Amino acid sequence: MKFMTKMFAGQSLISWILQLILIYLAWQVADHHIENNLWTIAGAGVILLLTYISLSHDSKQRNK
């Protein structure tokens, strides 16, 4: 998974993918294609946490 560590605009590809997934999820909720319930909020929270971890890892990689 070496390609996932490549940086684009200061972030790894995995960070970009996670952010796009979060945007897609928010868009689907706004268009009422996905219910706005506890499962959706928990899923968004997990994606948000993974995004934060990924961005933190990217920051450490830049500082090396």
C-alpha atoms as a PDB file:
ATOM      1  CA  MET A   1       0.000   0.000   0.000  1.00  0.00           C
ATOM      2  CA  LYS A   2       2.861   2.315  -0.852  1.00  0.00           C
ATOM      3  CA  PHE A   3       0.620   4.403  -3.133  1.00  0.00           C
ATOM      4  CA  MET A   4      -1.529   5.410  -0.144  1.00  0.00           C
ATOM      5  CA  THR A   5       1.421   7.204   1.459  1.00  0.00           C
ATOM      6  CA  LYS A   6       2.027   9.427  -1.560  1.00  0.00           C
ATOM      7  CA  MET A   7       1.300  13.044  -0.778  1.00  0.00           C
ATOM      8  CA  PHE A   8      -0.995  15.254  -2.844  1.00  0.00           C
ATOM      9  CA  ALA A   9      -1.471  18.886  -1.783  1.00  0.00           C
ATOM     10  CA  GLY A  10       0.061  18.116   1.622  1.00  0.00           C
ATOM     11  CA  GLN A  11      -2.157  15.110   2.395  1.00  0.00           C
ATOM     12  CA  SER A  12      -1.956  11.400   1.698  1.00  0.00           C
ATOM     13  CA  LEU A  13      -4.386   9.790  -0.700  1.00  0.00           C
ATOM     14  CA  ILE A  14      -6.099   7.946   2.161  1.00  0.00           C
ATOM     15  CA  SER A  15      -6.828  11.293   3.842  1.00  0.00           C
ATOM     16  CA  TRP A  16      -8.366  12.595   0.639  1.00  0.00           C
ATOM     17  CA  ILE A  17     -10.453   9.453   0.180  1.00  0.00           C
ATOM     18  CA  LEU A  18     -11.768   9.602   3.755  1.00  0.00           C
ATOM     19  CA  GLN A  19     -12.705  13.268   3.339  1.00  0.00           C
ATOM     20  CA  LEU A  20     -14.527  12.508   0.085  1.00  0.00           C
ATOM     21  CA  ILE A  21     -16.430   9.677   1.783  1.00  0.00           C
ATOM     22  CA  LEU A  22     -17.488  12.057   4.557  1.00  0.00           C
ATOM     23  CA  ILE A  23     -18.649  14.655   2.016  1.00  0.00           C
ATOM     24  CA  TYR A  24     -20.570  11.964   0.110  1.00  0.00           C
ATOM     25  CA  LEU A  25     -22.233  10.767   3.326  1.00  0.00           C
ATOM     26  CA  ALA A  26     -23.256  14.314   4.268  1.00  0.00           C
ATOM     27  CA  TRP A  27     -24.623  14.897   0.765  1.00  0.00           C
ATOM     28  CA  GLN A  28     -26.675  11.694   0.886  1.00  0.00           C
ATOM     29  CA  VAL A  29     -28.160  12.684   4.254  1.00  0.00           C
ATOM     30  CA  ALA A  30     -28.944  16.190   2.973  1.00  0.00           C
ATOM     31  CA  ASP A  31     -30.733  14.718  -0.072  1.00  0.00           C
ATOM     32  CA  HIS A  32     -32.654  12.293   2.201  1.00  0.00           C
ATOM     33  CA  HIS A  33     -31.182   9.197   0.516  1.00  0.00           C
ATOM     34  CA  ILE A  34     -29.757   8.067   3.863  1.00  0.00           C
ATOM     35  CA  GLU A  35     -31.617   8.479   7.147  1.00  0.00           C
ATOM     36  CA  ASN A  36     -30.202  10.883   9.698  1.00  0.00           C
ATOM     37  CA  ASN A  37     -30.150   8.511  12.653  1.00  0.00           C
ATOM     38  CA  LEU A  38     -27.745   7.215  15.287  1.00  0.00           C
ATOM     39  CA  TRP A  39     -26.086   4.729  12.888  1.00  0.00           C
ATOM     40  CA  THR A  40     -25.371   7.454  10.346  1.00  0.00           C
ATOM     41  CA  ILE A  41     -23.987   9.785  12.993  1.00  0.00           C
ATOM     42  CA  ALA A  42     -21.824   6.998  14.464  1.00  0.00           C
ATOM     43  CA  GLY A  43     -20.553   6.090  10.992  1.00  0.00           C
ATOM     44  CA  ALA A  44     -19.688   9.714  10.290  1.00  0.00           C
ATOM     45  CA  GLY A  45     -17.918   9.872  13.651  1.00  0.00           C
ATOM     46  CA  VAL A  46     -15.795   6.834  12.780  1.00  0.00           C
ATOM     47  CA  ILE A  47     -14.900   8.308   9.384  1.00  0.00           C
ATOM     48  CA  LEU A  48     -14.065  11.613  11.059  1.00  0.00           C
ATOM     49  CA  LEU A  49     -11.837   9.882  13.613  1.00  0.00           C
ATOM     50  CA  LEU A  50     -10.039   7.923  10.873  1.00  0.00           C
ATOM     51  CA  THR A  51      -9.553  11.154   8.918  1.00  0.00           C
ATOM     52  CA  TYR A  52      -8.060  12.860  11.973  1.00  0.00           C
ATOM     53  CA  ILE A  53      -5.685   9.935  12.554  1.00  0.00           C
ATOM     54  CA  SER A  54      -4.659   9.936   8.912  1.00  0.00           C
ATOM     55  CA  LEU A  55      -4.007  13.685   8.900  1.00  0.00           C
ATOM     56  CA  SER A  56      -1.998  13.343  12.111  1.00  0.00           C
ATOM     57  CA  HIS A  57       0.085  10.619  10.491  1.00  0.00           C
ATOM     58  CA  ASP A  58       0.607  12.845   7.426  1.00  0.00           C
ATOM     59  CA  SER A  59       1.851  15.637   9.678  1.00  0.00           C
ATOM     60  CA  LYS A  60       4.381  13.334  11.318  1.00  0.00           C
ATOM     61  CA  GLN A  61       5.572  12.174   7.882  1.00  0.00           C
ATOM     62  CA  ARG A  62       6.102  15.783   6.742  1.00  0.00           C
ATOM     63  CA  ASN A  63       8.130  16.601   9.860  1.00  0.00           C
ATOM     64  CA  LYS A  64      10.585  13.733   9.267  1.00  0.00           C
END
